Protein backbone atom coordinates (compact mmCIF):
# COMPACT_ATOMS: atom_id res chain seq x y z
CA UNK A 1 98.34 -17.85 86.55
CA UNK A 2 101.63 -16.76 87.14
CA UNK A 3 104.98 -19.05 86.84
CA UNK A 4 107.83 -18.65 89.30
CA UNK A 5 111.28 -17.78 87.82
CA UNK A 6 112.53 -21.55 89.70
CA UNK A 7 109.64 -23.47 87.44
CA UNK A 8 110.83 -21.96 84.20
CA UNK A 9 114.30 -23.11 84.66
CA UNK A 10 115.92 -26.04 85.12
CA UNK A 11 118.07 -25.78 88.24
CA UNK A 12 121.73 -26.98 88.34
CA UNK A 13 122.25 -30.98 89.16
CA UNK A 14 125.24 -31.53 91.84
CA UNK A 15 128.12 -32.00 89.25
CA UNK A 16 127.14 -28.81 87.05
CA UNK A 17 127.15 -26.75 90.33
CA UNK A 18 130.38 -28.01 91.44
CA UNK A 19 132.41 -28.13 87.76
CA UNK A 20 131.15 -24.02 88.26
CA UNK A 21 132.72 -23.89 91.46
CA UNK A 22 136.41 -25.35 89.69
CA UNK A 23 135.81 -23.09 86.59
CA UNK A 24 135.86 -20.34 89.09
CA UNK A 25 138.28 -20.92 91.72
CA UNK A 26 140.76 -21.54 88.64
CA UNK A 27 139.88 -18.47 87.48
CA UNK A 28 140.57 -16.40 90.44
CA UNK A 29 143.82 -18.75 91.21
CA UNK A 30 145.29 -17.51 87.68
CA UNK A 31 144.07 -14.14 88.26
CA UNK A 32 145.92 -14.01 91.74
CA UNK A 33 148.94 -16.19 90.68
CA UNK A 34 149.62 -13.84 87.63
CA UNK A 35 149.73 -11.01 90.64
CA UNK A 36 152.25 -12.26 92.27
CA UNK A 37 154.11 -13.35 89.25
CA UNK A 38 155.18 -9.89 88.78
CA UNK A 39 155.44 -8.94 92.02
CA UNK A 40 152.54 -6.95 93.52
CA UNK A 41 151.74 -9.08 96.39
CA UNK A 42 150.01 -11.97 98.53
CA UNK A 43 146.32 -11.11 98.92
CA UNK A 44 144.23 -11.37 101.50
CA UNK A 45 141.02 -11.13 100.22
CA UNK A 46 141.27 -13.50 97.44
CA UNK A 47 138.17 -15.38 96.95
CA UNK A 48 138.61 -18.96 97.85
CA UNK A 49 135.83 -22.01 97.25
CA UNK A 50 138.32 -24.84 97.73
CA UNK A 51 136.41 -25.99 100.95
CA UNK A 52 133.29 -25.93 99.14
CA UNK A 53 134.59 -28.10 96.26
CA UNK A 54 136.10 -30.65 98.35
CA UNK A 55 132.91 -31.10 100.27
CA UNK A 56 131.28 -31.25 97.08
CA UNK A 57 133.39 -34.59 95.65
CA UNK A 58 133.38 -35.74 99.46
CA UNK A 59 137.04 -34.92 99.91
CA UNK A 60 136.72 -33.02 102.61
CA UNK A 61 138.76 -35.64 105.36
CA UNK A 62 140.38 -32.72 106.75
CA UNK A 63 143.48 -34.64 106.13
CA UNK A 64 146.97 -31.83 105.14
CA UNK A 65 147.51 -35.03 102.90
CA UNK A 66 144.28 -34.14 101.17
CA UNK A 67 144.84 -30.65 100.77
CA UNK A 68 148.30 -30.08 99.41
CA UNK A 69 147.03 -32.89 96.68
CA UNK A 70 143.89 -31.15 95.95
CA UNK A 71 146.41 -27.42 95.39
CA UNK A 72 148.52 -29.20 93.40
CA UNK A 73 145.83 -30.25 90.97
CA UNK A 74 143.99 -26.94 91.30
CA UNK A 75 147.87 -25.21 90.66
CA UNK A 76 147.96 -27.64 87.57
CA UNK A 77 145.07 -27.19 85.99
CA UNK A 78 144.77 -22.82 86.74
CA UNK A 79 147.96 -22.91 84.96
CA UNK A 80 146.15 -25.04 81.93
CA UNK A 81 143.30 -21.85 81.35
CA UNK A 82 143.56 -19.31 78.92
CA UNK A 83 140.90 -16.59 78.75
CA UNK A 84 138.26 -18.90 76.70
CA UNK A 85 135.41 -20.12 77.83
CA UNK A 86 135.79 -22.95 76.43
CA UNK A 87 139.06 -23.73 77.69
CA UNK A 88 138.24 -22.96 81.21
CA UNK A 89 134.96 -25.31 80.97
CA UNK A 90 137.32 -28.02 79.64
CA UNK A 91 139.90 -27.89 82.27
CA UNK A 92 137.20 -27.14 84.97
CA UNK A 93 135.85 -31.08 83.74
CA UNK A 94 139.47 -32.42 83.79
CA UNK A 95 139.64 -31.32 87.34
CA UNK A 96 136.52 -32.38 88.50
CA UNK A 97 137.03 -35.94 86.99
CA UNK A 98 140.44 -36.31 88.68
CA UNK A 99 139.10 -35.64 91.88
CA UNK A 100 136.56 -37.67 91.59
CA UNK A 101 138.57 -40.73 90.62
CA UNK A 102 140.77 -39.54 94.40
CA UNK A 103 137.60 -40.27 96.03
CA UNK A 104 137.72 -43.65 94.20
CA UNK A 105 141.10 -44.63 95.87
CA UNK A 106 140.48 -42.98 99.15
CA UNK A 107 137.75 -45.62 99.82
């Protein structure tokens, strides 16, 4: 009897998936911010996982205030990452915890 690939691997839980999305968003934001900083302009094709992340941490209230605060947080953590996977994972987890703490105060 053959086993499916799904049965052989553990699927990521909700938190792990959200932290992974944050890692990808931090790397993307850092990359495009660096390009802009050296004068290569803005890019309309920059990947954007913001709304998916906000939805996953239940901060998707649609308000400009929430999005502005989220954007500040992403900017802060994207500046802290280095080209080191452990640093990226650490900063993504810190950002996740900060977003979760915002959720507690928003209710």
